[in-house]
């Protein structure tokens, strides 16, 4: 198991109560997003408008508001690919989740995906 169910549920509730959350896009994420939507004008900063839990394998994901017209296919990305504002009230909890999840995923990859 990658996520800790109780802590994950608590974090999702806290994040939802704090929406919208300001984030920066990691450069690699921004590049991937531009490949999927070349006509999109992607800002460096945007807002998380919804939170989803994609199960233990997918983790917490966020819908992004990149500004402009509402996209027909909104960007939904893993929380691990976002850089949250350090002044955000839930920054420490988000950062702890991100570190824990990345560590567990790396460990799982190191043992042949464990599936």
C-alpha atoms as a PDB file:
ATOM      1  CA  UNK A   1       0.000   0.000   0.000  1.00  0.00           C
ATOM      2  CA  UNK A   2       1.371   3.398  -1.032  1.00  0.00           C
ATOM      3  CA  UNK A   3      -0.981   5.813   0.740  1.00  0.00           C
ATOM      4  CA  UNK A   4      -1.973   5.920   4.381  1.00  0.00           C
ATOM      5  CA  UNK A   5      -5.803   5.919   4.081  1.00  0.00           C
ATOM      6  CA  UNK A   6      -6.661   7.982   7.175  1.00  0.00           C
ATOM      7  CA  UNK A   7      -4.007  10.628   6.521  1.00  0.00           C
ATOM      8  CA  UNK A   8      -4.900  10.801   2.831  1.00  0.00           C
ATOM      9  CA  UNK A   9      -8.615  11.280   3.545  1.00  0.00           C
ATOM     10  CA  UNK A  10      -7.804  13.980   6.097  1.00  0.00           C
ATOM     11  CA  UNK A  11      -5.495  15.782   3.646  1.00  0.00           C
ATOM     12  CA  UNK A  12      -8.126  15.701   0.887  1.00  0.00           C
ATOM     13  CA  UNK A  13     -10.710  17.224   3.234  1.00  0.00           C
ATOM     14  CA  UNK A  14      -8.300  19.954   4.327  1.00  0.00           C
ATOM     15  CA  UNK A  15      -7.317  20.716   0.728  1.00  0.00           C
ATOM     16  CA  UNK A  16     -10.943  20.870  -0.437  1.00  0.00           C
ATOM     17  CA  UNK A  17     -11.723  23.337   2.350  1.00  0.00           C
ATOM     18  CA  UNK A  18      -8.766  25.479   1.196  1.00  0.00           C
ATOM     19  CA  UNK A  19      -9.640  25.644  -2.516  1.00  0.00           C
ATOM     20  CA  UNK A  20      -8.556  27.276  -4.716  1.00  0.00           C
ATOM     21  CA  UNK A  21      -4.906  26.516  -4.028  1.00  0.00           C
ATOM     22  CA  UNK A  22      -2.151  28.323  -5.943  1.00  0.00           C
ATOM     23  CA  UNK A  23       0.486  26.115  -7.571  1.00  0.00           C
ATOM     24  CA  UNK A  24       3.383  26.266  -9.991  1.00  0.00           C
ATOM     25  CA  UNK A  25       3.832  23.687 -12.717  1.00  0.00           C
ATOM     26  CA  UNK A  26       7.019  21.669 -12.760  1.00  0.00           C
ATOM     27  CA  UNK A  27       8.812  22.280 -16.089  1.00  0.00           C
ATOM     28  CA  UNK A  28       8.482  18.625 -17.124  1.00  0.00           C
ATOM     29  CA  UNK A  29       4.743  18.707 -16.407  1.00  0.00           C
ATOM     30  CA  UNK A  30       4.331  21.907 -18.399  1.00  0.00           C
ATOM     31  CA  UNK A  31       6.135  20.309 -21.365  1.00  0.00           C
ATOM     32  CA  UNK A  32       3.844  17.273 -21.255  1.00  0.00           C
ATOM     33  CA  UNK A  33       0.759  19.468 -21.025  1.00  0.00           C
ATOM     34  CA  UNK A  34       1.893  21.478 -24.060  1.00  0.00           C
ATOM     35  CA  UNK A  35       2.312  18.246 -26.036  1.00  0.00           C
ATOM     36  CA  UNK A  36      -1.284  17.310 -25.219  1.00  0.00           C
ATOM     37  CA  UNK A  37      -2.665  20.781 -25.934  1.00  0.00           C
ATOM     38  CA  UNK A  38      -0.234  22.688 -28.178  1.00  0.00           C
ATOM     39  CA  UNK A  39      -2.629  25.625 -28.585  1.00  0.00           C
ATOM     40  CA  UNK A  40      -2.963  26.115 -24.822  1.00  0.00           C
ATOM     41  CA  UNK A  41      -1.412  29.204 -23.286  1.00  0.00           C
ATOM     42  CA  UNK A  42      -0.072  27.632 -20.106  1.00  0.00           C
ATOM     43  CA  UNK A  43       0.919  29.982 -17.312  1.00  0.00           C
ATOM     44  CA  UNK A  44       3.689  29.131 -14.860  1.00  0.00           C
ATOM     45  CA  UNK A  45       1.205  29.529 -12.000  1.00  0.00           C
ATOM     46  CA  UNK A  46      -2.376  28.353 -11.828  1.00  0.00           C
ATOM     47  CA  UNK A  47      -5.027  27.259  -9.341  1.00  0.00           C
ATOM     48  CA  UNK A  48      -6.219  23.868  -8.165  1.00  0.00           C
ATOM     49  CA  UNK A  49     -10.016  23.912  -8.371  1.00  0.00           C
ATOM     50  CA  UNK A  50     -10.927  20.310  -7.519  1.00  0.00           C
ATOM     51  CA  UNK A  51      -9.363  17.374  -5.708  1.00  0.00           C
ATOM     52  CA  UNK A  52      -9.787  13.723  -6.705  1.00  0.00           C
ATOM     53  CA  UNK A  53      -8.550  10.513  -5.167  1.00  0.00           C
ATOM     54  CA  UNK A  54      -7.538   8.009  -7.829  1.00  0.00           C
ATOM     55  CA  UNK A  55      -7.056   5.101  -5.447  1.00  0.00           C
ATOM     56  CA  UNK A  56      -3.810   3.859  -3.994  1.00  0.00           C
ATOM     57  CA  UNK A  57      -2.198   3.496  -7.430  1.00  0.00           C
ATOM     58  CA  UNK A  58      -3.122   7.004  -8.646  1.00  0.00           C
ATOM     59  CA  UNK A  59      -3.091   8.947  -5.390  1.00  0.00           C
ATOM     60  CA  UNK A  60      -4.393  12.480  -5.002  1.00  0.00           C
ATOM     61  CA  UNK A  61      -4.927  14.346  -8.263  1.00  0.00           C
ATOM     62  CA  UNK A  62      -5.880  17.957  -8.888  1.00  0.00           C
ATOM     63  CA  UNK A  63      -7.905  19.710 -11.568  1.00  0.00           C
ATOM     64  CA  UNK A  64      -6.132  22.859 -12.699  1.00  0.00           C
ATOM     65  CA  UNK A  65      -7.606  26.185 -13.735  1.00  0.00           C
ATOM     66  CA  UNK A  66      -5.083  27.500 -16.227  1.00  0.00           C
ATOM     67  CA  UNK A  67      -7.102  30.622 -16.977  1.00  0.00           C
ATOM     68  CA  UNK A  68      -8.888  31.610 -20.147  1.00  0.00           C
ATOM     69  CA  UNK A  69     -11.890  29.707 -21.430  1.00  0.00           C
ATOM     70  CA  UNK A  70     -12.913  26.578 -19.582  1.00  0.00           C
ATOM     71  CA  UNK A  71     -11.207  23.727 -21.444  1.00  0.00           C
ATOM     72  CA  UNK A  72     -13.344  20.910 -22.787  1.00  0.00           C
ATOM     73  CA  UNK A  73     -10.781  18.472 -21.419  1.00  0.00           C
ATOM     74  CA  UNK A  74      -9.483  19.981 -18.186  1.00  0.00           C
ATOM     75  CA  UNK A  75      -6.006  19.180 -16.953  1.00  0.00           C
ATOM     76  CA  UNK A  76      -6.042  16.721 -14.061  1.00  0.00           C
ATOM     77  CA  UNK A  77      -2.582  15.960 -12.696  1.00  0.00           C
ATOM     78  CA  UNK A  78      -1.017  14.126  -9.800  1.00  0.00           C
ATOM     79  CA  UNK A  79      -0.320  16.188  -6.714  1.00  0.00           C
ATOM     80  CA  UNK A  80       3.293  14.981  -6.908  1.00  0.00           C
ATOM     81  CA  UNK A  81       3.874  17.054 -10.077  1.00  0.00           C
ATOM     82  CA  UNK A  82       2.773  20.353  -8.561  1.00  0.00           C
ATOM     83  CA  UNK A  83       4.716  22.912  -6.567  1.00  0.00           C
ATOM     84  CA  UNK A  84       2.523  24.422  -3.861  1.00  0.00           C
ATOM     85  CA  UNK A  85       2.958  27.895  -2.378  1.00  0.00           C
ATOM     86  CA  UNK A  86       4.997  27.682   0.835  1.00  0.00           C
ATOM     87  CA  UNK A  87       2.647  30.200   2.451  1.00  0.00           C
ATOM     88  CA  UNK A  88      -0.370  27.967   1.865  1.00  0.00           C
ATOM     89  CA  UNK A  89      -1.958  26.900   5.159  1.00  0.00           C
ATOM     90  CA  UNK A  90      -1.777  23.209   4.182  1.00  0.00           C
ATOM     91  CA  UNK A  91       1.699  23.331   2.621  1.00  0.00           C
ATOM     92  CA  UNK A  92       3.374  21.117   5.227  1.00  0.00           C
ATOM     93  CA  UNK A  93       0.727  18.398   4.991  1.00  0.00           C
ATOM     94  CA  UNK A  94       0.871  18.448   1.178  1.00  0.00           C
ATOM     95  CA  UNK A  95       4.662  18.343   1.153  1.00  0.00           C
ATOM     96  CA  UNK A  96       4.688  15.414   3.592  1.00  0.00           C
ATOM     97  CA  UNK A  97       2.222  13.513   1.378  1.00  0.00           C
ATOM     98  CA  UNK A  98       4.273  14.259  -1.744  1.00  0.00           C
ATOM     99  CA  UNK A  99       7.532  13.086  -0.133  1.00  0.00           C
ATOM    100  CA  UNK A 100       5.912   9.937   1.278  1.00  0.00           C
ATOM    101  CA  UNK A 101       4.258   9.044  -2.026  1.00  0.00           C
ATOM    102  CA  UNK A 102       7.372   9.633  -4.155  1.00  0.00           C
ATOM    103  CA  UNK A 103       9.466   7.574  -1.726  1.00  0.00           C
ATOM    104  CA  UNK A 104       6.986   4.683  -1.829  1.00  0.00           C
ATOM    105  CA  UNK A 105       6.722   4.806  -5.632  1.00  0.00           C
ATOM    106  CA  UNK A 106      10.506   4.751  -6.032  1.00  0.00           C
ATOM    107  CA  UNK A 107      10.721   1.822  -3.645  1.00  0.00           C
ATOM    108  CA  UNK A 108       8.031  -0.034  -5.592  1.00  0.00           C
ATOM    109  CA  UNK A 109       9.795   0.613  -8.919  1.00  0.00           C
ATOM    110  CA  UNK A 110      13.017  -0.707  -7.465  1.00  0.00           C
ATOM    111  CA  UNK A 111      11.422  -4.092  -6.846  1.00  0.00           C
ATOM    112  CA  UNK A 112       9.880  -4.581 -10.287  1.00  0.00           C
ATOM    113  CA  UNK A 113       6.598  -2.696  -9.739  1.00  0.00           C
ATOM    114  CA  UNK A 114       5.454  -5.202  -7.122  1.00  0.00           C
ATOM    115  CA  UNK A 115       2.326  -6.002  -9.096  1.00  0.00           C
END
